[in-house]
Amino acid sequence: MSSRTAVATATPLVADLGAEAPLTGADTLRVGVVQFPGSLDERDAQRAVTLSGARAVSLWHGDDSLSNVDAVILPGGFSYGDYLRCGAIARFAPVMEKVVDAANGGMPVLGICNGFQILCESHLLPGALIRNSHQHFICRDQKLVVENASTAWTNSYAAGEEITIPLKNGEGGYVAQQSVLDELEATGRVVARYTGGNPNGSLRDIAGITNERGNVVGLMPHPEHAVEAGFGPDSASGMRTGIDGQGFFTSVIRSLLSQ
């Protein structure tokens, strides 16, 4: 079980989170969070970045520049109203041309929920996300097993570590051709897997994957909703004390500072 728990305080600060203090130099890093029409978790992602010690930079879908950021997060929501299919229109947003180029150049990019869908539509990650197998929107705290702890976004975890972060989606079922699934498994590119029950019908219980280089990660559950004591999932330490999602954001800081 994860030890990333903390007791809620009246004014939660980084030092109160029951995790390591921000790494030296973290405050020099800029992590961009893209806002599309219909995004709804960009502020949460920015908060997660700030709590981890880096500077959160707001990026607009129509931007033609990434404003010299060191990493990019594509947040959850319903970009462009999920018209056509989730992420299909966002793929063609002006800022995505820059994100794709930067990702191909090695910049860390994290896609959360709708952001994962956008990464697949942009061909930065293989496969697709389809309607949940039970045909219902789901919202719950979800247990995951971290399968790959060597990516730019997961190196703060241990391989095999079990964490709990919120999940909320209607089209969260990950699918891909058998050959693609076999390759993901063989090359260690399954980042996280659902445990304790598959919530949406994802093939092989896949909750998140990475590209070959390990700088691009797509994750269906929402780590940004589990970074601050008093606002996260319940944990062994008490109600709302879970901060298991914080590791995704400290990981990218550690990765960037080690370059």
C-alpha atoms as a PDB file:
ATOM      1  CA  MET A   1       0.000   0.000   0.000  1.00  0.00           C
ATOM      2  CA  SER A   2       1.143   3.568  -0.613  1.00  0.00           C
ATOM      3  CA  SER A   3       2.476   5.665   2.244  1.00  0.00           C
ATOM      4  CA  ARG A   4       1.584   8.967   0.599  1.00  0.00           C
ATOM      5  CA  THR A   5      -0.920  10.119   3.198  1.00  0.00           C
ATOM      6  CA  ALA A   6      -1.159  13.192   5.351  1.00  0.00           C
ATOM      7  CA  VAL A   7      -3.373  14.831   7.939  1.00  0.00           C
ATOM      8  CA  ALA A   8      -5.471  17.754   6.777  1.00  0.00           C
ATOM      9  CA  THR A   9      -4.581  21.211   8.085  1.00  0.00           C
ATOM     10  CA  ALA A  10      -6.357  24.535   7.984  1.00  0.00           C
ATOM     11  CA  THR A  11      -3.872  25.937   5.465  1.00  0.00           C
ATOM     12  CA  PRO A  12      -2.361  23.067   3.476  1.00  0.00           C
ATOM     13  CA  LEU A  13       1.189  23.818   2.356  1.00  0.00           C
ATOM     14  CA  VAL A  14       3.776  21.752   0.512  1.00  0.00           C
ATOM     15  CA  ALA A  15       5.479  20.981   3.814  1.00  0.00           C
ATOM     16  CA  ASP A  16       2.210  19.654   5.253  1.00  0.00           C
ATOM     17  CA  LEU A  17       1.655  17.062   2.572  1.00  0.00           C
ATOM     18  CA  GLY A  18       3.548  14.217   4.194  1.00  0.00           C
ATOM     19  CA  ALA A  19       5.939  13.990   1.252  1.00  0.00           C
ATOM     20  CA  GLU A  20       9.386  15.285   0.413  1.00  0.00           C
ATOM     21  CA  ALA A  21       9.943  19.029   0.374  1.00  0.00           C
ATOM     22  CA  PRO A  22      10.293  20.485  -3.130  1.00  0.00           C
ATOM     23  CA  LEU A  23      13.591  19.594  -4.736  1.00  0.00           C
ATOM     24  CA  THR A  24      16.165  22.340  -4.928  1.00  0.00           C
ATOM     25  CA  GLY A  25      15.688  24.121  -8.218  1.00  0.00           C
ATOM     26  CA  ALA A  26      12.056  23.089  -8.644  1.00  0.00           C
ATOM     27  CA  ASP A  27      10.966  26.728  -8.561  1.00  0.00           C
ATOM     28  CA  THR A  28      12.973  27.403 -11.732  1.00  0.00           C
ATOM     29  CA  LEU A  29      10.867  24.952 -13.751  1.00  0.00           C
ATOM     30  CA  ARG A  30       7.809  25.925 -15.783  1.00  0.00           C
ATOM     31  CA  VAL A  31       5.065  23.385 -16.407  1.00  0.00           C
ATOM     32  CA  GLY A  32       2.435  24.409 -18.941  1.00  0.00           C
ATOM     33  CA  VAL A  33      -1.203  23.381 -18.540  1.00  0.00           C
ATOM     34  CA  VAL A  34      -3.255  23.657 -21.734  1.00  0.00           C
ATOM     35  CA  GLN A  35      -6.826  24.936 -21.564  1.00  0.00           C
ATOM     36  CA  PHE A  36      -9.201  23.918 -24.341  1.00  0.00           C
ATOM     37  CA  PRO A  37     -12.821  25.039 -24.671  1.00  0.00           C
ATOM     38  CA  GLY A  38     -14.537  22.563 -22.371  1.00  0.00           C
ATOM     39  CA  SER A  39     -11.537  21.801 -20.159  1.00  0.00           C
ATOM     40  CA  LEU A  40     -12.532  21.694 -16.499  1.00  0.00           C
ATOM     41  CA  ASP A  41      -9.531  20.388 -14.564  1.00  0.00           C
ATOM     42  CA  GLU A  42      -6.848  22.834 -15.644  1.00  0.00           C
ATOM     43  CA  ARG A  43      -6.931  24.732 -12.331  1.00  0.00           C
ATOM     44  CA  ASP A  44      -6.543  21.485 -10.398  1.00  0.00           C
ATOM     45  CA  ALA A  45      -3.545  20.542 -12.537  1.00  0.00           C
ATOM     46  CA  GLN A  46      -2.010  23.972 -11.997  1.00  0.00           C
ATOM     47  CA  ARG A  47      -2.514  23.599  -8.248  1.00  0.00           C
ATOM     48  CA  ALA A  48      -0.800  20.206  -8.319  1.00  0.00           C
ATOM     49  CA  VAL A  49       2.179  21.692 -10.153  1.00  0.00           C
ATOM     50  CA  THR A  50       2.433  24.565  -7.689  1.00  0.00           C
ATOM     51  CA  LEU A  51       2.242  22.285  -4.652  1.00  0.00           C
ATOM     52  CA  SER A  52       5.077  20.236  -6.104  1.00  0.00           C
ATOM     53  CA  GLY A  53       7.304  23.314  -6.206  1.00  0.00           C
ATOM     54  CA  ALA A  54       7.313  24.250  -9.908  1.00  0.00           C
ATOM     55  CA  ARG A  55       5.673  27.194 -11.629  1.00  0.00           C
ATOM     56  CA  ALA A  56       2.389  26.489 -13.410  1.00  0.00           C
ATOM     57  CA  VAL A  57       1.976  28.296 -16.740  1.00  0.00           C
ATOM     58  CA  SER A  58      -1.448  28.588 -18.363  1.00  0.00           C
ATOM     59  CA  LEU A  59      -1.465  27.784 -22.082  1.00  0.00           C
ATOM     60  CA  TRP A  60      -4.425  28.484 -24.384  1.00  0.00           C
ATOM     61  CA  HIS A  61      -5.578  26.106 -27.117  1.00  0.00           C
ATOM     62  CA  GLY A  62      -5.094  28.815 -29.718  1.00  0.00           C
ATOM     63  CA  ASP A  63      -1.514  29.629 -28.726  1.00  0.00           C
ATOM     64  CA  ASP A  64       1.212  29.190 -31.319  1.00  0.00           C
ATOM     65  CA  SER A  65       3.911  28.979 -28.650  1.00  0.00           C
ATOM     66  CA  LEU A  66       4.541  26.930 -25.505  1.00  0.00           C
ATOM     67  CA  SER A  67       5.963  30.004 -23.731  1.00  0.00           C
ATOM     68  CA  ASN A  68       9.280  28.327 -22.911  1.00  0.00           C
ATOM     69  CA  VAL A  69       7.796  25.707 -20.589  1.00  0.00           C
ATOM     70  CA  ASP A  70       9.769  22.644 -19.561  1.00  0.00           C
ATOM     71  CA  ALA A  71       6.838  20.210 -19.563  1.00  0.00           C
ATOM     72  CA  VAL A  72       3.184  20.164 -20.602  1.00  0.00           C
ATOM     73  CA  ILE A  73       0.000  18.777 -19.063  1.00  0.00           C
ATOM     74  CA  LEU A  74      -3.176  18.201 -21.078  1.00  0.00           C
ATOM     75  CA  PRO A  75      -5.906  18.243 -18.413  1.00  0.00           C
ATOM     76  CA  GLY A  76      -9.233  16.463 -18.126  1.00  0.00           C
ATOM     77  CA  GLY A  77     -12.587  17.741 -19.253  1.00  0.00           C
ATOM     78  CA  PHE A  78     -14.595  17.750 -22.458  1.00  0.00           C
ATOM     79  CA  SER A  79     -12.478  19.573 -25.014  1.00  0.00           C
ATOM     80  CA  TYR A  80     -14.651  21.137 -27.704  1.00  0.00           C
ATOM     81  CA  GLY A  81     -17.643  19.418 -26.112  1.00  0.00           C
ATOM     82  CA  ASP A  82     -16.312  15.976 -27.122  1.00  0.00           C
ATOM     83  CA  TYR A  83     -17.904  16.539 -30.536  1.00  0.00           C
ATOM     84  CA  LEU A  84     -17.083  13.922 -33.185  1.00  0.00           C
ATOM     85  CA  ARG A  85     -15.317  11.879 -30.491  1.00  0.00           C
ATOM     86  CA  CYS A  86     -13.255  12.687 -27.412  1.00  0.00           C
ATOM     87  CA  GLY A  87     -10.093  14.595 -28.314  1.00  0.00           C
ATOM     88  CA  ALA A  88     -10.710  14.483 -32.053  1.00  0.00           C
ATOM     89  CA  ILE A  89     -11.043  18.252 -32.486  1.00  0.00           C
ATOM     90  CA  ALA A  90      -8.489  19.179 -29.821  1.00  0.00           C
ATOM     91  CA  ARG A  91      -5.910  17.295 -31.841  1.00  0.00           C
ATOM     92  CA  PHE A  92      -6.073  20.098 -34.421  1.00  0.00           C
ATOM     93  CA  ALA A  93      -5.794  22.996 -31.956  1.00  0.00           C
ATOM     94  CA  PRO A  94      -2.880  25.299 -32.861  1.00  0.00           C
ATOM     95  CA  VAL A  95      -1.096  24.631 -29.585  1.00  0.00           C
ATOM     96  CA  MET A  96      -1.093  20.879 -30.251  1.00  0.00           C
ATOM     97  CA  GLU A  97       1.251  21.296 -33.207  1.00  0.00           C
ATOM     98  CA  LYS A  98       3.783  22.708 -30.751  1.00  0.00           C
ATOM     99  CA  VAL A  99       3.026  20.044 -28.142  1.00  0.00           C
ATOM    100  CA  VAL A 100       3.549  17.228 -30.654  1.00  0.00           C
ATOM    101  CA  ASP A 101       6.840  18.716 -31.841  1.00  0.00           C
ATOM    102  CA  ALA A 102       8.038  19.225 -28.270  1.00  0.00           C
ATOM    103  CA  ALA A 103       7.012  15.721 -27.229  1.00  0.00           C
ATOM    104  CA  ASN A 104       8.816  14.202 -30.199  1.00  0.00           C
ATOM    105  CA  GLY A 105      11.843  16.216 -29.097  1.00  0.00           C
ATOM    106  CA  GLY A 106      11.756  14.725 -25.621  1.00  0.00           C
ATOM    107  CA  MET A 107       9.714  17.205 -23.588  1.00  0.00           C
ATOM    108  CA  PRO A 108       7.662  15.514 -20.833  1.00  0.00           C
ATOM    109  CA  VAL A 109       3.943  15.552 -21.659  1.00  0.00           C
ATOM    110  CA  LEU A 110       1.178  14.174 -19.437  1.00  0.00           C
ATOM    111  CA  GLY A 111      -2.362  13.663 -20.692  1.00  0.00           C
ATOM    112  CA  ILE A 112      -4.984  13.135 -17.984  1.00  0.00           C
ATOM    113  CA  CYS A 113      -8.376  11.620 -18.916  1.00  0.00           C
ATOM    114  CA  ASN A 114      -9.447  13.803 -21.863  1.00  0.00           C
ATOM    115  CA  GLY A 115      -5.767  14.655 -22.214  1.00  0.00           C
ATOM    116  CA  PHE A 116      -5.048  10.927 -22.649  1.00  0.00           C
ATOM    117  CA  GLN A 117      -7.679  10.840 -25.373  1.00  0.00           C
ATOM    118  CA  ILE A 118      -6.035  13.830 -27.081  1.00  0.00           C
ATOM    119  CA  LEU A 119      -2.613  12.138 -26.964  1.00  0.00           C
ATOM    120  CA  CYS A 120      -4.064   9.079 -28.703  1.00  0.00           C
ATOM    121  CA  GLU A 121      -5.849  11.194 -31.303  1.00  0.00           C
ATOM    122  CA  SER A 122      -2.562  13.057 -31.899  1.00  0.00           C
ATOM    123  CA  HIS A 123      -0.746   9.731 -32.404  1.00  0.00           C
ATOM    124  CA  LEU A 124       1.687  10.467 -29.598  1.00  0.00           C
ATOM    125  CA  LEU A 125       0.336   7.300 -27.968  1.00  0.00           C
ATOM    126  CA  PRO A 126      -1.183   4.229 -29.625  1.00  0.00           C
ATOM    127  CA  GLY A 127      -4.724   2.947 -29.233  1.00  0.00           C
ATOM    128  CA  ALA A 128      -7.930   4.762 -28.382  1.00  0.00           C
ATOM    129  CA  LEU A 129     -10.377   5.408 -25.532  1.00  0.00           C
ATOM    130  CA  ILE A 130     -13.980   4.313 -26.105  1.00  0.00           C
ATOM    131  CA  ARG A 131     -17.298   4.344 -24.262  1.00  0.00           C
ATOM    132  CA  ASN A 132     -17.229   2.537 -20.914  1.00  0.00           C
ATOM    133  CA  SER A 133     -18.306  -1.074 -21.322  1.00  0.00           C
ATOM    134  CA  HIS A 134     -21.240  -0.576 -18.913  1.00  0.00           C
ATOM    135  CA  GLN A 135     -22.345   2.542 -20.854  1.00  0.00           C
ATOM    136  CA  HIS A 136     -22.384   4.738 -17.733  1.00  0.00           C
ATOM    137  CA  PHE A 137     -20.286   7.623 -16.513  1.00  0.00           C
ATOM    138  CA  ILE A 138     -18.249   6.552 -13.496  1.00  0.00           C
ATOM    139  CA  CYS A 139     -16.848   8.652 -10.642  1.00  0.00           C
ATOM    140  CA  ARG A 140     -15.027   6.974  -7.772  1.00  0.00           C
ATOM    141  CA  ASP A 141     -11.715   6.612  -5.977  1.00  0.00           C
ATOM    142  CA  GLN A 142      -9.805   3.987  -7.920  1.00  0.00           C
ATOM    143  CA  LYS A 143      -6.967   1.688  -6.911  1.00  0.00           C
ATOM    144  CA  LEU A 144      -4.093   1.394  -9.369  1.00  0.00           C
ATOM    145  CA  VAL A 145      -0.867  -0.564  -9.524  1.00  0.00           C
ATOM    146  CA  VAL A 146       2.100   1.389 -10.868  1.00  0.00           C
ATOM    147  CA  GLU A 147       3.641  -0.932 -13.446  1.00  0.00           C
ATOM    148  CA  ASN A 148       6.366   1.328 -14.847  1.00  0.00           C
ATOM    149  CA  ALA A 149       8.205   3.562 -12.380  1.00  0.00           C
ATOM    150  CA  SER A 150      10.869   4.762 -14.806  1.00  0.00           C
ATOM    151  CA  THR A 151       8.988   7.326 -16.899  1.00  0.00           C
ATOM    152  CA  ALA A 152       9.298  11.090 -16.591  1.00  0.00           C
ATOM    153  CA  TRP A 153       5.965  11.101 -14.766  1.00  0.00           C
ATOM    154  CA  THR A 154       6.219   8.015 -12.514  1.00  0.00           C
ATOM    155  CA  ASN A 155       9.771   7.849 -11.157  1.00  0.00           C
ATOM    156  CA  SER A 156       8.645   8.956  -7.668  1.00  0.00           C
ATOM    157  CA  TYR A 157       6.824   5.633  -7.290  1.00  0.00           C
ATOM    158  CA  ALA A 158       8.066   2.082  -6.917  1.00  0.00           C
ATOM    159  CA  ALA A 159       7.180  -0.573  -9.466  1.00  0.00           C
ATOM    160  CA  GLY A 160       4.289  -2.573  -8.064  1.00  0.00           C
ATOM    161  CA  GLU A 161       3.196   0.208  -5.709  1.00  0.00           C
ATOM    162  CA  GLU A 162      -0.541   0.420  -5.153  1.00  0.00           C
ATOM    163  CA  ILE A 163      -2.046   3.896  -5.117  1.00  0.00           C
ATOM    164  CA  THR A 164      -5.547   5.373  -4.954  1.00  0.00           C
ATOM    165  CA  ILE A 165      -6.612   8.359  -7.043  1.00  0.00           C
ATOM    166  CA  PRO A 166     -10.000   9.562  -8.342  1.00  0.00           C
ATOM    167  CA  LEU A 167     -11.436   8.291 -11.617  1.00  0.00           C
ATOM    168  CA  LYS A 168     -14.214  10.032 -13.557  1.00  0.00           C
ATOM    169  CA  ASN A 169     -15.023   9.200 -17.148  1.00  0.00           C
ATOM    170  CA  GLY A 170     -17.650   8.093 -19.599  1.00  0.00           C
ATOM    171  CA  GLU A 171     -15.251   7.094 -22.376  1.00  0.00           C
ATOM    172  CA  GLY A 172     -12.377   5.568 -20.465  1.00  0.00           C
ATOM    173  CA  GLY A 173     -12.088   2.122 -21.984  1.00  0.00           C
ATOM    174  CA  TYR A 174      -8.613   1.705 -23.466  1.00  0.00           C
ATOM    175  CA  VAL A 175      -8.509  -0.398 -26.627  1.00  0.00           C
ATOM    176  CA  ALA A 176      -5.860  -1.282 -29.194  1.00  0.00           C
ATOM    177  CA  GLN A 177      -5.040  -4.038 -31.627  1.00  0.00           C
ATOM    178  CA  GLN A 178      -3.766  -7.262 -30.099  1.00  0.00           C
ATOM    179  CA  SER A 179      -0.327  -6.676 -31.578  1.00  0.00           C
ATOM    180  CA  VAL A 180      -0.174  -3.201 -30.017  1.00  0.00           C
ATOM    181  CA  LEU A 181      -1.232  -4.513 -26.623  1.00  0.00           C
ATOM    182  CA  ASP A 182       1.397  -7.250 -26.824  1.00  0.00           C
ATOM    183  CA  GLU A 183       4.061  -4.688 -27.687  1.00  0.00           C
ATOM    184  CA  LEU A 184       3.047  -2.408 -24.820  1.00  0.00           C
ATOM    185  CA  GLU A 185       3.306  -5.325 -22.425  1.00  0.00           C
ATOM    186  CA  ALA A 186       6.587  -6.635 -23.832  1.00  0.00           C
ATOM    187  CA  THR A 187       8.291  -3.235 -23.714  1.00  0.00           C
ATOM    188  CA  GLY A 188       7.049  -2.230 -20.265  1.00  0.00           C
ATOM    189  CA  ARG A 189       4.946   0.612 -21.586  1.00  0.00           C
ATOM    190  CA  VAL A 190       1.887  -0.061 -19.436  1.00  0.00           C
ATOM    191  CA  VAL A 191       2.327   2.653 -16.803  1.00  0.00           C
ATOM    192  CA  ALA A 192      -0.586   1.813 -14.500  1.00  0.00           C
ATOM    193  CA  ARG A 193      -3.190  -0.899 -14.279  1.00  0.00           C
ATOM    194  CA  TYR A 194      -6.561  -1.008 -12.536  1.00  0.00           C
ATOM    195  CA  THR A 195      -6.764  -3.306  -9.525  1.00  0.00           C
ATOM    196  CA  GLY A 196      -9.707  -4.262  -7.373  1.00  0.00           C
ATOM    197  CA  GLY A 197     -11.986  -4.403 -10.408  1.00  0.00           C
ATOM    198  CA  ASN A 198     -11.928  -2.983 -13.925  1.00  0.00           C
ATOM    199  CA  PRO A 199     -14.097   0.173 -13.884  1.00  0.00           C
ATOM    200  CA  ASN A 200     -14.583   0.775 -17.601  1.00  0.00           C
ATOM    201  CA  GLY A 201     -13.699  -2.293 -19.626  1.00  0.00           C
ATOM    202  CA  SER A 202     -10.160  -1.236 -20.548  1.00  0.00           C
ATOM    203  CA  LEU A 203      -8.340  -4.090 -22.229  1.00  0.00           C
ATOM    204  CA  ARG A 204      -5.872  -5.809 -19.915  1.00  0.00           C
ATOM    205  CA  ASP A 205      -6.979  -3.459 -17.119  1.00  0.00           C
ATOM    206  CA  ILE A 206      -4.830  -0.682 -18.591  1.00  0.00           C
ATOM    207  CA  ALA A 207      -5.188   2.680 -16.854  1.00  0.00           C
ATOM    208  CA  GLY A 208      -2.217   4.425 -18.431  1.00  0.00           C
ATOM    209  CA  ILE A 209       0.551   3.954 -20.988  1.00  0.00           C
ATOM    210  CA  THR A 210       3.745   5.646 -22.120  1.00  0.00           C
ATOM    211  CA  ASN A 211       5.630   6.096 -25.364  1.00  0.00           C
ATOM    212  CA  GLU A 212       8.896   4.287 -26.072  1.00  0.00           C
ATOM    213  CA  ARG A 213      10.994   7.169 -24.758  1.00  0.00           C
ATOM    214  CA  GLY A 214       9.047   7.452 -21.511  1.00  0.00           C
ATOM    215  CA  ASN A 215       8.474  11.194 -21.744  1.00  0.00           C
ATOM    216  CA  VAL A 216       4.818  11.025 -22.870  1.00  0.00           C
ATOM    217  CA  VAL A 217       2.294   9.447 -20.501  1.00  0.00           C
ATOM    218  CA  GLY A 218      -1.461   9.111 -20.807  1.00  0.00           C
ATOM    219  CA  LEU A 219      -3.480   8.317 -17.688  1.00  0.00           C
ATOM    220  CA  MET A 220      -7.241   7.927 -17.398  1.00  0.00           C
ATOM    221  CA  PRO A 221      -7.604   8.519 -13.605  1.00  0.00           C
ATOM    222  CA  HIS A 222      -6.929  11.983 -12.145  1.00  0.00           C
ATOM    223  CA  PRO A 223      -3.771  12.342 -10.018  1.00  0.00           C
ATOM    224  CA  GLU A 224      -4.340  16.098  -9.697  1.00  0.00           C
ATOM    225  CA  HIS A 225      -7.323  15.369  -7.450  1.00  0.00           C
ATOM    226  CA  ALA A 226      -5.122  13.556  -4.929  1.00  0.00           C
ATOM    227  CA  VAL A 227      -2.314  15.971  -4.101  1.00  0.00           C
ATOM    228  CA  GLU A 228      -3.535  17.946  -1.111  1.00  0.00           C
ATOM    229  CA  ALA A 229      -4.482  16.725   2.347  1.00  0.00           C
ATOM    230  CA  GLY A 230      -8.117  17.473   3.089  1.00  0.00           C
ATOM    231  CA  PHE A 231      -9.166  17.210  -0.538  1.00  0.00           C
ATOM    232  CA  GLY A 232      -8.051  13.779  -1.691  1.00  0.00           C
ATOM    233  CA  PRO A 233      -9.412  10.250  -1.357  1.00  0.00           C
ATOM    234  CA  ASP A 234      -9.858   8.570   1.997  1.00  0.00           C
ATOM    235  CA  SER A 235      -6.787   6.706   3.199  1.00  0.00           C
ATOM    236  CA  ALA A 236      -5.611   4.640   6.138  1.00  0.00           C
ATOM    237  CA  SER A 237      -4.779   7.899   7.920  1.00  0.00           C
ATOM    238  CA  GLY A 238      -8.326   9.219   7.737  1.00  0.00           C
ATOM    239  CA  MET A 239     -10.950  10.817   5.558  1.00  0.00           C
ATOM    240  CA  ARG A 240      -9.740  12.852   2.565  1.00  0.00           C
ATOM    241  CA  THR A 241      -6.071  12.428   3.499  1.00  0.00           C
ATOM    242  CA  GLY A 242      -4.867  10.565   0.397  1.00  0.00           C
ATOM    243  CA  ILE A 243      -2.252  12.317  -1.732  1.00  0.00           C
ATOM    244  CA  ASP A 244      -1.130   9.412  -3.887  1.00  0.00           C
ATOM    245  CA  GLY A 245      -1.357  11.511  -7.049  1.00  0.00           C
ATOM    246  CA  GLN A 246       1.404  13.861  -5.978  1.00  0.00           C
ATOM    247  CA  GLY A 247       4.073  11.500  -7.260  1.00  0.00           C
ATOM    248  CA  PHE A 248       3.180  12.195 -10.891  1.00  0.00           C
ATOM    249  CA  PHE A 249       4.059  15.855 -10.447  1.00  0.00           C
ATOM    250  CA  THR A 250       7.167  15.414  -8.299  1.00  0.00           C
ATOM    251  CA  SER A 251       8.364  12.817 -10.811  1.00  0.00           C
ATOM    252  CA  VAL A 252       8.510  15.265 -13.686  1.00  0.00           C
ATOM    253  CA  ILE A 253      10.385  17.771 -11.522  1.00  0.00           C
ATOM    254  CA  ARG A 254      12.925  15.110 -10.577  1.00  0.00           C
ATOM    255  CA  SER A 255      13.237  14.094 -14.224  1.00  0.00           C
ATOM    256  CA  LEU A 256      13.780  17.619 -15.462  1.00  0.00           C
ATOM    257  CA  LEU A 257      16.307  18.493 -12.773  1.00  0.00           C
ATOM    258  CA  SER A 258      18.334  15.379 -13.532  1.00  0.00           C
ATOM    259  CA  GLN A 259      18.835  16.357 -17.171  1.00  0.00           C
END
